[in-house]
């Protein structure tokens, strides 16, 4: 499972059997574990930050199981990340967001 934060141009996720069928991802997305390859048509400028979560790794941060996102790509709203002034600020936001998710999950668990 991968969390992708996009600072570049939108990315186009194409259907494997028909590249004319596609979905545009403008900001950020989470991609579940894949049972088949995906085709991404990089439009122009690519500037991505990725977080790879191991099997079961999304649960502590996001409160969802791996099974819920298998073979899916879901766009996220991450405007604060996109508007951050530099990479240090972006990584700070990412760290705080992941830690906040972890703390929410732990608080819910107890």
Protein backbone atom coordinates (compact mmCIF):
# COMPACT_ATOMS: atom_id res chain seq x y z
CA UNK A 1 0.00 0.00 0.00
CA UNK A 2 1.35 3.40 -0.92
CA UNK A 3 0.43 6.93 0.06
CA UNK A 4 1.45 9.28 -2.76
CA UNK A 5 1.61 13.05 -2.28
CA UNK A 6 1.81 14.95 -5.56
CA UNK A 7 3.59 18.30 -5.91
CA UNK A 8 3.80 18.13 -9.68
CA UNK A 9 1.30 17.96 -12.51
CA UNK A 10 -1.76 15.70 -12.30
CA UNK A 11 -1.14 12.02 -12.97
CA UNK A 12 -3.31 9.88 -15.24
CA UNK A 13 -4.21 6.34 -14.13
CA UNK A 14 -5.14 4.43 -17.28
CA UNK A 15 -7.22 1.30 -17.67
CA UNK A 16 -4.89 -1.56 -18.59
CA UNK A 17 -7.00 -2.72 -21.51
CA UNK A 18 -7.88 0.74 -22.86
CA UNK A 19 -5.56 3.70 -22.20
CA UNK A 20 -8.27 6.07 -23.43
CA UNK A 21 -10.22 5.21 -20.25
CA UNK A 22 -8.49 6.95 -17.37
CA UNK A 23 -8.81 8.76 -14.06
CA UNK A 24 -6.92 11.97 -13.30
CA UNK A 25 -5.37 12.34 -9.85
CA UNK A 26 -4.54 15.96 -9.15
CA UNK A 27 -3.22 16.04 -5.59
CA UNK A 28 -2.58 12.92 -3.62
CA UNK A 29 -3.82 9.39 -3.40
CA UNK A 30 -3.54 6.09 -1.63
CA UNK A 31 -3.03 2.94 -3.64
CA UNK A 32 -3.92 -0.40 -2.15
CA UNK A 33 -1.98 -3.59 -2.65
CA UNK A 34 -2.07 -4.63 -6.30
CA UNK A 35 -2.97 -8.03 -7.70
CA UNK A 36 -2.44 -6.67 -11.24
CA UNK A 37 -0.16 -3.94 -12.59
CA UNK A 38 -1.42 -0.39 -13.12
CA UNK A 39 -0.57 2.03 -15.92
CA UNK A 40 0.23 5.62 -14.99
CA UNK A 41 0.69 8.12 -17.79
CA UNK A 42 2.91 10.85 -16.39
CA UNK A 43 1.62 14.01 -17.99
CA UNK A 44 4.45 16.58 -17.71
CA UNK A 45 6.18 17.52 -14.45
CA UNK A 46 6.53 14.72 -11.88
CA UNK A 47 7.29 15.58 -8.24
CA UNK A 48 5.99 12.87 -5.90
CA UNK A 49 6.56 11.95 -2.27
CA UNK A 50 5.67 8.38 -1.37
CA UNK A 51 5.10 6.46 1.83
CA UNK A 52 5.09 2.68 1.46
CA UNK A 53 3.10 0.82 4.10
CA UNK A 54 3.70 -2.89 4.57
CA UNK A 55 0.87 -5.42 4.63
CA UNK A 56 -1.30 -4.42 7.59
CA UNK A 57 0.73 -1.24 7.95
CA UNK A 58 -2.12 1.12 7.13
CA UNK A 59 -4.24 -0.04 10.06
CA UNK A 60 -2.29 1.76 12.84
CA UNK A 61 -2.25 5.06 10.89
CA UNK A 62 -5.48 5.09 8.91
CA UNK A 63 -7.75 2.66 10.74
CA UNK A 64 -8.43 0.66 7.58
CA UNK A 65 -7.42 -2.84 6.63
CA UNK A 66 -5.35 -3.71 3.60
CA UNK A 67 -8.28 -5.63 2.14
CA UNK A 68 -10.44 -2.48 1.88
CA UNK A 69 -8.12 -0.88 -0.70
CA UNK A 70 -6.85 -3.91 -2.63
CA UNK A 71 -6.64 -3.03 -6.35
CA UNK A 72 -8.02 0.45 -5.72
CA UNK A 73 -6.59 3.94 -6.00
CA UNK A 74 -8.39 6.62 -3.98
CA UNK A 75 -7.70 10.34 -4.31
CA UNK A 76 -7.07 12.26 -1.09
CA UNK A 77 -7.48 15.91 -0.21
CA UNK A 78 -4.07 17.12 0.98
CA UNK A 79 -4.11 20.85 0.23
CA UNK A 80 -1.93 21.77 3.21
CA UNK A 81 0.81 19.47 1.91
CA UNK A 82 0.60 20.93 -1.58
CA UNK A 83 0.71 24.50 -0.28
CA UNK A 84 3.69 23.99 2.07
CA UNK A 85 6.60 26.29 1.22
CA UNK A 86 9.42 23.73 1.11
CA UNK A 87 10.25 20.03 1.45
CA UNK A 88 11.11 20.31 5.16
CA UNK A 89 7.63 21.73 5.83
CA UNK A 90 6.05 18.99 3.71
CA UNK A 91 7.82 16.23 5.61
CA UNK A 92 6.86 17.84 8.94
CA UNK A 93 3.20 17.86 7.85
CA UNK A 94 3.45 14.25 6.71
CA UNK A 95 5.04 13.17 10.01
CA UNK A 96 2.43 15.03 12.06
CA UNK A 97 -0.39 13.56 9.99
CA UNK A 98 0.84 9.99 10.36
CA UNK A 99 1.48 10.41 14.10
CA UNK A 100 -1.97 11.99 14.59
CA UNK A 101 -3.54 9.00 12.84
CA UNK A 102 -1.56 6.63 15.02
CA UNK A 103 -2.59 8.46 18.21
CA UNK A 104 -6.27 8.52 17.18
CA UNK A 105 -6.15 4.79 16.49
CA UNK A 106 -4.45 4.02 19.83
CA UNK A 107 -6.88 6.22 21.77
CA UNK A 108 -9.80 4.42 20.10
CA UNK A 109 -8.30 1.03 20.91
CA UNK A 110 -8.02 1.52 24.67
